């Protein structure tokens, strides 16, 4: 058996030169410290993305895009296709849990200061992955063409129209016109099943390449390491199974509801809100007055949110410019303070 496996490895190595990768995996080590548990969050994000692709392909076999067919095809999947309701719930719950783990991963990387030299590109590619993941959730939300998704998309895209100079032009590009119609649905479908998966796959590839080349960031209290393979890999795989079970339990006992079909001429349902990962931004925009210094409040909100996102993306550079004695306190204050504000605004938006 060993001879056969050795010959097979020689055959593959002759064509793909995999031995250097195997040697790298054998010698790669993972720092062990009290924050090591957060190292597993990145692997869970990758696993959930694979789960999204697999469940999305299955749904795509029956889904038909169009204002007259999307809702009916999703209803057919949920009611007639064997286990269709389960696959749809797995896809929906998986998307939400994936964004949760991406946020958890970003938060842990920030607090461990793993964005510092030489990991600037790793951090920046991670920020891009967070943005693409949220865009994934937003574009997929409309595809069932139900009442809640229709009006939530209308409110969400209205914000784009507030951008100075190019807002109206960007709004027409996103919607395919002035209003949310079947053209909007077609564009969101294209983004969700083609453009965003391609961008996310490429960015994940780059991100993983950076991580493999630079290794996992170490912290001061890390006094020992564990081998990446098989020790860390098997622990990561076990967590994947735990997450898969969590997604399955949520899908079985709390299946994703379809609701009513979207009607453009009907009034928006009371208490309409975006998904939880947009609730904090939504609540922040709600708190702003109509005008501040003669400038629309929503425009101020867009500038604040855009500036926050830009500063997050450029964290390795402005943190490096801080005085050495203040770096630790500033990172901790912004990390924990930002998390507290995010949770408070999300909870406020949910309860309001």
C-alpha atoms as a PDB file:
ATOM      1  CA  UNK A   1       0.000   0.000   0.000  1.00  0.00           C
ATOM      2  CA  UNK A   2       2.832   2.380   0.911  1.00  0.00           C
ATOM      3  CA  UNK A   3       4.604   1.542  -2.357  1.00  0.00           C
ATOM      4  CA  UNK A   4       1.422   2.280  -4.334  1.00  0.00           C
ATOM      5  CA  UNK A   5       0.820   5.590  -2.557  1.00  0.00           C
ATOM      6  CA  UNK A   6       4.458   6.537  -3.111  1.00  0.00           C
ATOM      7  CA  UNK A   7       4.210   5.786  -6.818  1.00  0.00           C
ATOM      8  CA  UNK A   8       0.996   7.800  -7.054  1.00  0.00           C
ATOM      9  CA  UNK A   9       2.679  10.733  -5.295  1.00  0.00           C
ATOM     10  CA  UNK A  10       5.646  10.500  -7.659  1.00  0.00           C
ATOM     11  CA  UNK A  11       3.260  10.502 -10.647  1.00  0.00           C
ATOM     12  CA  UNK A  12       1.415  13.600  -9.389  1.00  0.00           C
ATOM     13  CA  UNK A  13       4.630  15.383  -8.380  1.00  0.00           C
ATOM     14  CA  UNK A  14       6.141  14.800 -11.802  1.00  0.00           C
ATOM     15  CA  UNK A  15       3.275  16.764 -13.342  1.00  0.00           C
ATOM     16  CA  UNK A  16       2.283  19.297 -10.680  1.00  0.00           C
ATOM     17  CA  UNK A  17       5.383  19.586  -8.430  1.00  0.00           C
ATOM     18  CA  UNK A  18       3.408  19.131  -5.215  1.00  0.00           C
ATOM     19  CA  UNK A  19       6.275  17.971  -2.975  1.00  0.00           C
ATOM     20  CA  UNK A  20       7.270  21.534  -1.959  1.00  0.00           C
ATOM     21  CA  UNK A  21       3.675  22.142  -0.836  1.00  0.00           C
ATOM     22  CA  UNK A  22       3.640  18.912   1.162  1.00  0.00           C
ATOM     23  CA  UNK A  23       6.931  19.801   2.828  1.00  0.00           C
ATOM     24  CA  UNK A  24       5.628  23.264   3.657  1.00  0.00           C
ATOM     25  CA  UNK A  25       2.504  21.735   5.260  1.00  0.00           C
ATOM     26  CA  UNK A  26       4.665  19.341   7.298  1.00  0.00           C
ATOM     27  CA  UNK A  27       6.843  22.108   8.711  1.00  0.00           C
ATOM     28  CA  UNK A  28       4.160  24.773   9.133  1.00  0.00           C
ATOM     29  CA  UNK A  29       3.327  25.568  12.762  1.00  0.00           C
ATOM     30  CA  UNK A  30       0.487  27.440  14.454  1.00  0.00           C
ATOM     31  CA  UNK A  31       1.150  29.630  17.545  1.00  0.00           C
ATOM     32  CA  UNK A  32      -0.606  28.434  20.699  1.00  0.00           C
ATOM     33  CA  UNK A  33      -1.947  31.058  23.112  1.00  0.00           C
ATOM     34  CA  UNK A  34      -5.224  32.118  24.707  1.00  0.00           C
ATOM     35  CA  UNK A  35      -6.422  33.707  21.439  1.00  0.00           C
ATOM     36  CA  UNK A  36      -5.611  30.686  19.254  1.00  0.00           C
ATOM     37  CA  UNK A  37      -9.293  29.770  19.060  1.00  0.00           C
ATOM     38  CA  UNK A  38      -9.849  32.715  16.723  1.00  0.00           C
ATOM     39  CA  UNK A  39      -7.480  31.179  14.177  1.00  0.00           C
ATOM     40  CA  UNK A  40     -10.258  28.703  13.339  1.00  0.00           C
ATOM     41  CA  UNK A  41     -12.694  31.444  12.269  1.00  0.00           C
ATOM     42  CA  UNK A  42     -10.948  31.890   8.910  1.00  0.00           C
ATOM     43  CA  UNK A  43     -11.289  28.197   8.084  1.00  0.00           C
ATOM     44  CA  UNK A  44     -14.972  28.262   8.999  1.00  0.00           C
ATOM     45  CA  UNK A  45     -15.488  31.199   6.616  1.00  0.00           C
ATOM     46  CA  UNK A  46     -13.923  29.165   3.806  1.00  0.00           C
ATOM     47  CA  UNK A  47     -16.056  26.118   4.644  1.00  0.00           C
ATOM     48  CA  UNK A  48     -19.259  28.173   4.672  1.00  0.00           C
ATOM     49  CA  UNK A  49     -18.362  29.738   1.322  1.00  0.00           C
ATOM     50  CA  UNK A  50     -17.995  26.228  -0.142  1.00  0.00           C
ATOM     51  CA  UNK A  51     -21.358  25.326   1.414  1.00  0.00           C
ATOM     52  CA  UNK A  52     -22.910  28.428  -0.176  1.00  0.00           C
ATOM     53  CA  UNK A  53     -21.552  27.505  -3.601  1.00  0.00           C
ATOM     54  CA  UNK A  54     -22.777  23.898  -3.320  1.00  0.00           C
ATOM     55  CA  UNK A  55     -26.283  24.792  -2.082  1.00  0.00           C
ATOM     56  CA  UNK A  56     -26.500  27.680  -4.569  1.00  0.00           C
ATOM     57  CA  UNK A  57     -25.773  25.357  -7.502  1.00  0.00           C
ATOM     58  CA  UNK A  58     -28.553  23.017  -6.362  1.00  0.00           C
ATOM     59  CA  UNK A  59     -31.007  25.924  -6.112  1.00  0.00           C
ATOM     60  CA  UNK A  60     -29.920  27.220  -9.504  1.00  0.00           C
ATOM     61  CA  UNK A  61     -31.186  24.021 -11.137  1.00  0.00           C
ATOM     62  CA  UNK A  62     -34.782  25.062 -10.392  1.00  0.00           C
ATOM     63  CA  UNK A  63     -34.606  28.830  -9.966  1.00  0.00           C
ATOM     64  CA  UNK A  64     -35.941  30.995 -12.819  1.00  0.00           C
ATOM     65  CA  UNK A  65     -35.115  34.688 -12.792  1.00  0.00           C
ATOM     66  CA  UNK A  66     -37.850  37.165 -13.694  1.00  0.00           C
ATOM     67  CA  UNK A  67     -40.543  39.281 -12.073  1.00  0.00           C
ATOM     68  CA  UNK A  68     -43.148  36.722 -13.185  1.00  0.00           C
ATOM     69  CA  UNK A  69     -41.159  33.583 -12.400  1.00  0.00           C
ATOM     70  CA  UNK A  70     -38.716  34.107  -9.500  1.00  0.00           C
ATOM     71  CA  UNK A  71     -41.248  33.931  -6.685  1.00  0.00           C
ATOM     72  CA  UNK A  72     -43.048  30.986  -8.268  1.00  0.00           C
ATOM     73  CA  UNK A  73     -39.820  29.052  -8.796  1.00  0.00           C
ATOM     74  CA  UNK A  74     -38.750  29.571  -5.162  1.00  0.00           C
ATOM     75  CA  UNK A  75     -42.198  28.478  -3.999  1.00  0.00           C
ATOM     76  CA  UNK A  76     -41.891  25.396  -6.217  1.00  0.00           C
ATOM     77  CA  UNK A  77     -38.462  24.635  -4.732  1.00  0.00           C
ATOM     78  CA  UNK A  78     -39.850  24.971  -1.205  1.00  0.00           C
ATOM     79  CA  UNK A  79     -43.058  23.003  -1.755  1.00  0.00           C
ATOM     80  CA  UNK A  80     -42.481  20.486  -4.559  1.00  0.00           C
ATOM     81  CA  UNK A  81     -38.771  19.694  -4.928  1.00  0.00           C
ATOM     82  CA  UNK A  82     -37.539  16.934  -2.623  1.00  0.00           C
ATOM     83  CA  UNK A  83     -35.680  18.587   0.254  1.00  0.00           C
ATOM     84  CA  UNK A  84     -35.814  21.870  -1.665  1.00  0.00           C
ATOM     85  CA  UNK A  85     -37.005  23.715   1.427  1.00  0.00           C
ATOM     86  CA  UNK A  86     -34.018  22.339   3.337  1.00  0.00           C
ATOM     87  CA  UNK A  87     -31.449  23.361   0.704  1.00  0.00           C
ATOM     88  CA  UNK A  88     -32.943  26.864   0.540  1.00  0.00           C
ATOM     89  CA  UNK A  89     -32.827  27.194   4.333  1.00  0.00           C
ATOM     90  CA  UNK A  90     -29.245  25.907   4.426  1.00  0.00           C
ATOM     91  CA  UNK A  91     -28.305  28.519   1.805  1.00  0.00           C
ATOM     92  CA  UNK A  92     -29.998  31.340   3.723  1.00  0.00           C
ATOM     93  CA  UNK A  93     -28.765  30.394   7.190  1.00  0.00           C
ATOM     94  CA  UNK A  94     -25.313  29.634   5.822  1.00  0.00           C
ATOM     95  CA  UNK A  95     -25.071  33.135   4.345  1.00  0.00           C
ATOM     96  CA  UNK A  96     -25.889  34.767   7.678  1.00  0.00           C
ATOM     97  CA  UNK A  97     -23.515  32.574   9.658  1.00  0.00           C
ATOM     98  CA  UNK A  98     -20.757  33.125   7.093  1.00  0.00           C
ATOM     99  CA  UNK A  99     -20.976  36.903   7.512  1.00  0.00           C
ATOM    100  CA  UNK A 100     -20.961  36.440  11.304  1.00  0.00           C
ATOM    101  CA  UNK A 101     -17.705  34.466  11.131  1.00  0.00           C
ATOM    102  CA  UNK A 102     -16.136  36.918   8.677  1.00  0.00           C
ATOM    103  CA  UNK A 103     -16.869  39.734  11.146  1.00  0.00           C
ATOM    104  CA  UNK A 104     -15.531  37.616  14.029  1.00  0.00           C
ATOM    105  CA  UNK A 105     -12.370  36.859  12.059  1.00  0.00           C
ATOM    106  CA  UNK A 106     -11.819  40.537  11.216  1.00  0.00           C
ATOM    107  CA  UNK A 107     -12.388  41.615  14.820  1.00  0.00           C
ATOM    108  CA  UNK A 108      -9.904  39.034  16.185  1.00  0.00           C
ATOM    109  CA  UNK A 109      -7.263  39.964  13.589  1.00  0.00           C
ATOM    110  CA  UNK A 110      -7.648  43.629  14.518  1.00  0.00           C
ATOM    111  CA  UNK A 111      -7.246  43.015  18.261  1.00  0.00           C
ATOM    112  CA  UNK A 112      -4.252  40.716  17.742  1.00  0.00           C
ATOM    113  CA  UNK A 113      -2.747  43.450  15.546  1.00  0.00           C
ATOM    114  CA  UNK A 114      -2.152  40.905  12.790  1.00  0.00           C
ATOM    115  CA  UNK A 115      -2.466  43.702  10.228  1.00  0.00           C
ATOM    116  CA  UNK A 116       1.051  44.948  10.937  1.00  0.00           C
ATOM    117  CA  UNK A 117       4.060  44.596   8.657  1.00  0.00           C
ATOM    118  CA  UNK A 118       4.392  42.355   6.668  1.00  0.00           C
ATOM    119  CA  UNK A 119       0.668  41.465   6.676  1.00  0.00           C
ATOM    120  CA  UNK A 120      -0.810  44.677   5.269  1.00  0.00           C
ATOM    121  CA  UNK A 121      -1.997  42.986   2.064  1.00  0.00           C
ATOM    122  CA  UNK A 122      -3.521  40.110   4.045  1.00  0.00           C
ATOM    123  CA  UNK A 123      -5.555  42.598   6.094  1.00  0.00           C
ATOM    124  CA  UNK A 124      -6.626  44.625   3.056  1.00  0.00           C
ATOM    125  CA  UNK A 125      -7.713  41.523   1.136  1.00  0.00           C
ATOM    126  CA  UNK A 126      -9.689  40.481   4.239  1.00  0.00           C
ATOM    127  CA  UNK A 127     -11.495  43.841   4.222  1.00  0.00           C
ATOM    128  CA  UNK A 128     -12.366  43.288   0.564  1.00  0.00           C
ATOM    129  CA  UNK A 129     -13.706  39.822   1.464  1.00  0.00           C
ATOM    130  CA  UNK A 130     -15.936  41.359   4.142  1.00  0.00           C
ATOM    131  CA  UNK A 131     -17.354  43.861   1.634  1.00  0.00           C
ATOM    132  CA  UNK A 132     -17.919  41.167  -0.988  1.00  0.00           C
ATOM    133  CA  UNK A 133     -19.614  38.887   1.566  1.00  0.00           C
ATOM    134  CA  UNK A 134     -22.054  41.636   2.533  1.00  0.00           C
ATOM    135  CA  UNK A 135     -22.659  42.392  -1.149  1.00  0.00           C
ATOM    136  CA  UNK A 136     -23.392  38.697  -1.612  1.00  0.00           C
ATOM    137  CA  UNK A 137     -26.021  38.838   1.115  1.00  0.00           C
ATOM    138  CA  UNK A 138     -27.573  42.020  -0.262  1.00  0.00           C
ATOM    139  CA  UNK A 139     -27.769  40.777  -3.864  1.00  0.00           C
ATOM    140  CA  UNK A 140     -29.189  37.392  -2.877  1.00  0.00           C
ATOM    141  CA  UNK A 141     -31.826  38.926  -0.622  1.00  0.00           C
ATOM    142  CA  UNK A 142     -33.873  40.154  -3.596  1.00  0.00           C
ATOM    143  CA  UNK A 143     -33.853  36.923  -5.620  1.00  0.00           C
ATOM    144  CA  UNK A 144     -36.971  35.308  -4.053  1.00  0.00           C
ATOM    145  CA  UNK A 145     -38.836  38.467  -5.185  1.00  0.00           C
ATOM    146  CA  UNK A 146     -40.971  38.546  -2.069  1.00  0.00           C
ATOM    147  CA  UNK A 147     -42.548  41.602  -0.472  1.00  0.00           C
ATOM    148  CA  UNK A 148     -39.962  42.081   2.277  1.00  0.00           C
ATOM    149  CA  UNK A 149     -36.979  41.722  -0.072  1.00  0.00           C
ATOM    150  CA  UNK A 150     -38.493  44.097  -2.633  1.00  0.00           C
ATOM    151  CA  UNK A 151     -39.006  47.011  -0.245  1.00  0.00           C
ATOM    152  CA  UNK A 152     -35.765  46.378   1.660  1.00  0.00           C
ATOM    153  CA  UNK A 153     -33.878  46.537  -1.647  1.00  0.00           C
ATOM    154  CA  UNK A 154     -35.739  49.718  -2.585  1.00  0.00           C
ATOM    155  CA  UNK A 155     -34.720  51.376   0.697  1.00  0.00           C
ATOM    156  CA  UNK A 156     -31.147  50.104   0.427  1.00  0.00           C
ATOM    157  CA  UNK A 157     -30.623  51.266  -3.135  1.00  0.00           C
ATOM    158  CA  UNK A 158     -32.253  54.641  -2.400  1.00  0.00           C
ATOM    159  CA  UNK A 159     -29.191  55.419  -0.272  1.00  0.00           C
ATOM    160  CA  UNK A 160     -26.977  55.090  -3.351  1.00  0.00           C
ATOM    161  CA  UNK A 161     -28.942  57.883  -5.001  1.00  0.00           C
ATOM    162  CA  UNK A 162     -27.840  60.284  -2.268  1.00  0.00           C
ATOM    163  CA  UNK A 163     -24.193  60.203  -3.376  1.00  0.00           C
ATOM    164  CA  UNK A 164     -23.307  63.641  -4.838  1.00  0.00           C
ATOM    165  CA  UNK A 165     -22.874  64.060  -8.598  1.00  0.00           C
ATOM    166  CA  UNK A 166     -22.865  60.353  -9.515  1.00  0.00           C
ATOM    167  CA  UNK A 167     -25.652  59.130  -7.209  1.00  0.00           C
ATOM    168  CA  UNK A 168     -28.474  59.142  -9.757  1.00  0.00           C
ATOM    169  CA  UNK A 169     -26.260  57.557 -12.393  1.00  0.00           C
ATOM    170  CA  UNK A 170     -25.126  54.826  -9.960  1.00  0.00           C
ATOM    171  CA  UNK A 171     -28.715  54.202  -8.915  1.00  0.00           C
ATOM    172  CA  UNK A 172     -29.785  53.582 -12.523  1.00  0.00           C
ATOM    173  CA  UNK A 173     -26.821  51.235 -13.024  1.00  0.00           C
ATOM    174  CA  UNK A 174     -27.714  49.190  -9.935  1.00  0.00           C
ATOM    175  CA  UNK A 175     -31.466  49.095 -10.558  1.00  0.00           C
ATOM    176  CA  UNK A 176     -31.433  48.999 -14.334  1.00  0.00           C
ATOM    177  CA  UNK A 177     -33.744  52.012 -14.281  1.00  0.00           C
ATOM    178  CA  UNK A 178     -35.266  54.504 -11.886  1.00  0.00           C
ATOM    179  CA  UNK A 179     -37.260  51.937  -9.892  1.00  0.00           C
ATOM    180  CA  UNK A 180     -36.818  48.402  -8.556  1.00  0.00           C
ATOM    181  CA  UNK A 181     -38.208  46.211 -11.344  1.00  0.00           C
ATOM    182  CA  UNK A 182     -37.558  42.942 -13.112  1.00  0.00           C
ATOM    183  CA  UNK A 183     -34.437  44.556 -14.591  1.00  0.00           C
ATOM    184  CA  UNK A 184     -33.104  45.047 -11.043  1.00  0.00           C
ATOM    185  CA  UNK A 185     -33.802  41.401 -10.313  1.00  0.00           C
ATOM    186  CA  UNK A 186     -31.868  40.305 -13.404  1.00  0.00           C
ATOM    187  CA  UNK A 187     -28.879  42.474 -12.454  1.00  0.00           C
ATOM    188  CA  UNK A 188     -28.827  41.224  -8.882  1.00  0.00           C
ATOM    189  CA  UNK A 189     -29.059  37.653 -10.179  1.00  0.00           C
ATOM    190  CA  UNK A 190     -26.052  38.204 -12.442  1.00  0.00           C
ATOM    191  CA  UNK A 191     -24.090  39.724  -9.580  1.00  0.00           C
ATOM    192  CA  UNK A 192     -25.048  36.950  -7.175  1.00  0.00           C
ATOM    193  CA  UNK A 193     -24.313  33.912  -9.349  1.00  0.00           C
ATOM    194  CA  UNK A 194     -21.475  35.159 -11.593  1.00  0.00           C
ATOM    195  CA  UNK A 195     -19.707  38.425 -10.766  1.00  0.00           C
ATOM    196  CA  UNK A 196     -19.491  38.186  -6.968  1.00  0.00           C
ATOM    197  CA  UNK A 197     -18.538  34.454  -6.852  1.00  0.00           C
ATOM    198  CA  UNK A 198     -15.726  35.125  -9.322  1.00  0.00           C
ATOM    199  CA  UNK A 199     -14.442  38.139  -7.377  1.00  0.00           C
ATOM    200  CA  UNK A 200     -14.764  36.339  -4.048  1.00  0.00           C
ATOM    201  CA  UNK A 201     -12.979  33.217  -5.331  1.00  0.00           C
ATOM    202  CA  UNK A 202     -10.048  35.241  -6.664  1.00  0.00           C
ATOM    203  CA  UNK A 203      -9.783  37.301  -3.476  1.00  0.00           C
ATOM    204  CA  UNK A 204      -9.962  34.178  -1.293  1.00  0.00           C
ATOM    205  CA  UNK A 205      -7.168  32.656  -3.377  1.00  0.00           C
ATOM    206  CA  UNK A 206      -5.005  35.746  -2.866  1.00  0.00           C
ATOM    207  CA  UNK A 207      -5.857  35.925   0.835  1.00  0.00           C
ATOM    208  CA  UNK A 208      -4.937  32.273   1.425  1.00  0.00           C
ATOM    209  CA  UNK A 209      -1.728  32.714  -0.561  1.00  0.00           C
ATOM    210  CA  UNK A 210      -0.720  35.647   1.651  1.00  0.00           C
ATOM    211  CA  UNK A 211      -1.510  33.627   4.803  1.00  0.00           C
ATOM    212  CA  UNK A 212       0.489  30.612   3.603  1.00  0.00           C
ATOM    213  CA  UNK A 213       3.517  32.718   2.677  1.00  0.00           C
ATOM    214  CA  UNK A 214       3.537  34.846   5.851  1.00  0.00           C
ATOM    215  CA  UNK A 215       2.151  32.317   8.319  1.00  0.00           C
ATOM    216  CA  UNK A 216      -0.255  33.064  11.147  1.00  0.00           C
ATOM    217  CA  UNK A 217       0.417  36.153  13.204  1.00  0.00           C
ATOM    218  CA  UNK A 218       2.078  35.535  16.558  1.00  0.00           C
ATOM    219  CA  UNK A 219       1.390  37.382  19.778  1.00  0.00           C
ATOM    220  CA  UNK A 220       3.699  38.049  22.709  1.00  0.00           C
ATOM    221  CA  UNK A 221       2.266  35.350  24.976  1.00  0.00           C
ATOM    222  CA  UNK A 222       2.666  32.603  22.359  1.00  0.00           C
ATOM    223  CA  UNK A 223       5.361  30.367  23.892  1.00  0.00           C
ATOM    224  CA  UNK A 224       4.730  27.197  21.916  1.00  0.00           C
ATOM    225  CA  UNK A 225       3.326  25.991  18.620  1.00  0.00           C
ATOM    226  CA  UNK A 226       1.401  23.059  17.191  1.00  0.00           C
ATOM    227  CA  UNK A 227       1.909  21.440  13.768  1.00  0.00           C
ATOM    228  CA  UNK A 228      -0.545  22.714  11.183  1.00  0.00           C
ATOM    229  CA  UNK A 229      -0.999  19.200   9.790  1.00  0.00           C
ATOM    230  CA  UNK A 230      -2.535  17.105  11.174  1.00  0.00           C
ATOM    231  CA  UNK A 231      -3.106  18.774  14.590  1.00  0.00           C
ATOM    232  CA  UNK A 232      -4.562  22.148  13.589  1.00  0.00           C
ATOM    233  CA  UNK A 233      -6.175  20.854  10.393  1.00  0.00           C
ATOM    234  CA  UNK A 234      -8.128  18.104  12.199  1.00  0.00           C
ATOM    235  CA  UNK A 235      -9.348  20.553  14.853  1.00  0.00           C
ATOM    236  CA  UNK A 236     -10.442  22.905  12.083  1.00  0.00           C
ATOM    237  CA  UNK A 237     -12.268  20.077  10.290  1.00  0.00           C
ATOM    238  CA  UNK A 238     -14.080  19.121  13.504  1.00  0.00           C
ATOM    239  CA  UNK A 239     -15.273  22.711  13.897  1.00  0.00           C
ATOM    240  CA  UNK A 240     -16.547  22.597  10.319  1.00  0.00           C
ATOM    241  CA  UNK A 241     -18.708  19.608  11.294  1.00  0.00           C
ATOM    242  CA  UNK A 242     -20.022  21.503  14.343  1.00  0.00           C
ATOM    243  CA  UNK A 243     -20.924  24.499  12.160  1.00  0.00           C
ATOM    244  CA  UNK A 244     -22.552  22.240   9.563  1.00  0.00           C
ATOM    245  CA  UNK A 245     -24.679  20.677  12.289  1.00  0.00           C
ATOM    246  CA  UNK A 246     -25.647  24.142  13.569  1.00  0.00           C
ATOM    247  CA  UNK A 247     -26.707  25.207  10.058  1.00  0.00           C
ATOM    248  CA  UNK A 248     -28.679  21.957   9.624  1.00  0.00           C
ATOM    249  CA  UNK A 249     -30.470  22.332  12.989  1.00  0.00           C
ATOM    250  CA  UNK A 250     -31.430  25.941  12.253  1.00  0.00           C
ATOM    251  CA  UNK A 251     -32.611  24.956   8.762  1.00  0.00           C
ATOM    252  CA  UNK A 252     -34.770  22.104  10.038  1.00  0.00           C
ATOM    253  CA  UNK A 253     -36.348  23.803  13.040  1.00  0.00           C
ATOM    254  CA  UNK A 254     -36.412  27.378  11.707  1.00  0.00           C
ATOM    255  CA  UNK A 255     -36.896  27.063   7.925  1.00  0.00           C
ATOM    256  CA  UNK A 256     -36.540  30.270   5.919  1.00  0.00           C
ATOM    257  CA  UNK A 257     -39.989  31.670   5.139  1.00  0.00           C
ATOM    258  CA  UNK A 258     -40.941  32.888   1.683  1.00  0.00           C
ATOM    259  CA  UNK A 259     -43.629  35.435   2.531  1.00  0.00           C
ATOM    260  CA  UNK A 260     -45.834  37.208  -0.010  1.00  0.00           C
ATOM    261  CA  UNK A 261     -44.955  37.956  -3.608  1.00  0.00           C
ATOM    262  CA  UNK A 262     -43.639  41.459  -4.301  1.00  0.00           C
ATOM    263  CA  UNK A 263     -46.117  43.951  -5.732  1.00  0.00           C
ATOM    264  CA  UNK A 264     -44.624  47.268  -6.820  1.00  0.00           C
ATOM    265  CA  UNK A 265     -47.910  49.152  -6.363  1.00  0.00           C
ATOM    266  CA  UNK A 266     -48.610  47.857  -2.850  1.00  0.00           C
ATOM    267  CA  UNK A 267     -47.556  49.762   0.268  1.00  0.00           C
ATOM    268  CA  UNK A 268     -44.471  48.727   2.202  1.00  0.00           C
ATOM    269  CA  UNK A 269     -45.187  46.391   5.138  1.00  0.00           C
ATOM    270  CA  UNK A 270     -44.887  47.899   8.610  1.00  0.00           C
ATOM    271  CA  UNK A 271     -41.600  47.495  10.440  1.00  0.00           C
ATOM    272  CA  UNK A 272     -39.531  46.646   7.384  1.00  0.00           C
ATOM    273  CA  UNK A 273     -35.833  46.247   8.227  1.00  0.00           C
ATOM    274  CA  UNK A 274     -32.681  45.014   6.490  1.00  0.00           C
ATOM    275  CA  UNK A 275     -30.760  41.886   7.462  1.00  0.00           C
ATOM    276  CA  UNK A 276     -28.950  41.998  10.825  1.00  0.00           C
ATOM    277  CA  UNK A 277     -25.554  42.806   9.292  1.00  0.00           C
ATOM    278  CA  UNK A 278     -26.965  46.053   7.865  1.00  0.00           C
ATOM    279  CA  UNK A 279     -29.025  46.983  10.934  1.00  0.00           C
ATOM    280  CA  UNK A 280     -26.354  49.134  12.607  1.00  0.00           C
ATOM    281  CA  UNK A 281     -25.852  51.269   9.477  1.00  0.00           C
ATOM    282  CA  UNK A 282     -29.618  51.464   8.984  1.00  0.00           C
ATOM    283  CA  UNK A 283     -30.188  52.613  12.566  1.00  0.00           C
ATOM    284  CA  UNK A 284     -27.391  55.178  12.302  1.00  0.00           C
ATOM    285  CA  UNK A 285     -28.953  56.705   9.177  1.00  0.00           C
ATOM    286  CA  UNK A 286     -32.354  56.785  10.890  1.00  0.00           C
ATOM    287  CA  UNK A 287     -30.964  58.859  13.760  1.00  0.00           C
ATOM    288  CA  UNK A 288     -29.692  61.628  11.520  1.00  0.00           C
ATOM    289  CA  UNK A 289     -31.862  64.754  11.071  1.00  0.00           C
ATOM    290  CA  UNK A 290     -33.138  65.660   7.572  1.00  0.00           C
ATOM    291  CA  UNK A 291     -30.448  68.328   7.172  1.00  0.00           C
ATOM    292  CA  UNK A 292     -27.151  69.202   8.867  1.00  0.00           C
ATOM    293  CA  UNK A 293     -25.612  72.527   7.808  1.00  0.00           C
ATOM    294  CA  UNK A 294     -27.910  72.602   4.763  1.00  0.00           C
ATOM    295  CA  UNK A 295     -26.582  69.183   3.650  1.00  0.00           C
ATOM    296  CA  UNK A 296     -28.975  66.173   3.639  1.00  0.00           C
ATOM    297  CA  UNK A 297     -28.538  64.005   6.711  1.00  0.00           C
ATOM    298  CA  UNK A 298     -28.303  60.810   4.651  1.00  0.00           C
ATOM    299  CA  UNK A 299     -25.367  62.298   2.759  1.00  0.00           C
ATOM    300  CA  UNK A 300     -23.579  62.956   6.057  1.00  0.00           C
ATOM    301  CA  UNK A 301     -24.302  59.375   7.031  1.00  0.00           C
ATOM    302  CA  UNK A 302     -22.857  58.025   3.780  1.00  0.00           C
ATOM    303  CA  UNK A 303     -19.712  60.115   4.268  1.00  0.00           C
ATOM    304  CA  UNK A 304     -19.278  58.913   7.860  1.00  0.00           C
ATOM    305  CA  UNK A 305     -19.809  55.256   6.931  1.00  0.00           C
ATOM    306  CA  UNK A 306     -17.548  55.581   3.889  1.00  0.00           C
ATOM    307  CA  UNK A 307     -14.807  57.233   5.948  1.00  0.00           C
ATOM    308  CA  UNK A 308     -15.094  54.501   8.597  1.00  0.00           C
ATOM    309  CA  UNK A 309     -14.747  51.808   5.947  1.00  0.00           C
ATOM    310  CA  UNK A 310     -11.752  53.585   4.423  1.00  0.00           C
ATOM    311  CA  UNK A 311     -10.007  53.903   7.796  1.00  0.00           C
ATOM    312  CA  UNK A 312     -10.644  50.230   8.495  1.00  0.00           C
ATOM    313  CA  UNK A 313      -9.110  49.294   5.142  1.00  0.00           C
ATOM    314  CA  UNK A 314      -6.057  51.490   5.814  1.00  0.00           C
ATOM    315  CA  UNK A 315      -5.570  50.382   9.436  1.00  0.00           C
ATOM    316  CA  UNK A 316      -1.966  49.106   8.918  1.00  0.00           C
ATOM    317  CA  UNK A 317      -0.851  52.547   7.763  1.00  0.00           C
ATOM    318  CA  UNK A 318      -2.464  54.947  10.244  1.00  0.00           C
ATOM    319  CA  UNK A 319      -1.702  52.603  13.173  1.00  0.00           C
ATOM    320  CA  UNK A 320       1.970  52.606  12.164  1.00  0.00           C
ATOM    321  CA  UNK A 321       2.002  56.423  12.319  1.00  0.00           C
ATOM    322  CA  UNK A 322       0.831  56.486  15.962  1.00  0.00           C
ATOM    323  CA  UNK A 323       3.334  57.039  18.797  1.00  0.00           C
ATOM    324  CA  UNK A 324       4.661  53.685  20.020  1.00  0.00           C
ATOM    325  CA  UNK A 325       3.355  54.131  23.567  1.00  0.00           C
ATOM    326  CA  UNK A 326      -0.199  54.787  22.325  1.00  0.00           C
ATOM    327  CA  UNK A 327      -0.603  52.030  19.758  1.00  0.00           C
ATOM    328  CA  UNK A 328      -1.771  49.355  22.216  1.00  0.00           C
ATOM    329  CA  UNK A 329      -4.406  51.516  23.934  1.00  0.00           C
ATOM    330  CA  UNK A 330      -5.713  52.955  20.648  1.00  0.00           C
ATOM    331  CA  UNK A 331      -6.155  49.516  19.053  1.00  0.00           C
ATOM    332  CA  UNK A 332      -7.886  48.131  22.150  1.00  0.00           C
ATOM    333  CA  UNK A 333     -10.119  51.198  22.503  1.00  0.00           C
ATOM    334  CA  UNK A 334     -11.139  51.204  18.845  1.00  0.00           C
ATOM    335  CA  UNK A 335     -11.561  47.425  18.740  1.00  0.00           C
ATOM    336  CA  UNK A 336     -13.699  46.934  21.828  1.00  0.00           C
ATOM    337  CA  UNK A 337     -15.380  50.328  21.496  1.00  0.00           C
ATOM    338  CA  UNK A 338     -16.248  49.689  17.864  1.00  0.00           C
ATOM    339  CA  UNK A 339     -17.668  46.267  18.735  1.00  0.00           C
ATOM    340  CA  UNK A 340     -19.781  47.749  21.542  1.00  0.00           C
ATOM    341  CA  UNK A 341     -21.180  50.453  19.246  1.00  0.00           C
ATOM    342  CA  UNK A 342     -21.861  47.905  16.505  1.00  0.00           C
ATOM    343  CA  UNK A 343     -23.725  45.581  18.873  1.00  0.00           C
ATOM    344  CA  UNK A 344     -25.661  48.428  20.497  1.00  0.00           C
ATOM    345  CA  UNK A 345     -26.771  49.920  17.186  1.00  0.00           C
ATOM    346  CA  UNK A 346     -27.714  46.496  15.823  1.00  0.00           C
ATOM    347  CA  UNK A 347     -29.790  45.703  18.921  1.00  0.00           C
ATOM    348  CA  UNK A 348     -31.369  49.159  18.830  1.00  0.00           C
ATOM    349  CA  UNK A 349     -32.257  48.723  15.182  1.00  0.00           C
ATOM    350  CA  UNK A 350     -33.741  45.299  15.872  1.00  0.00           C
ATOM    351  CA  UNK A 351     -35.887  46.482  18.784  1.00  0.00           C
ATOM    352  CA  UNK A 352     -36.977  49.822  17.313  1.00  0.00           C
END
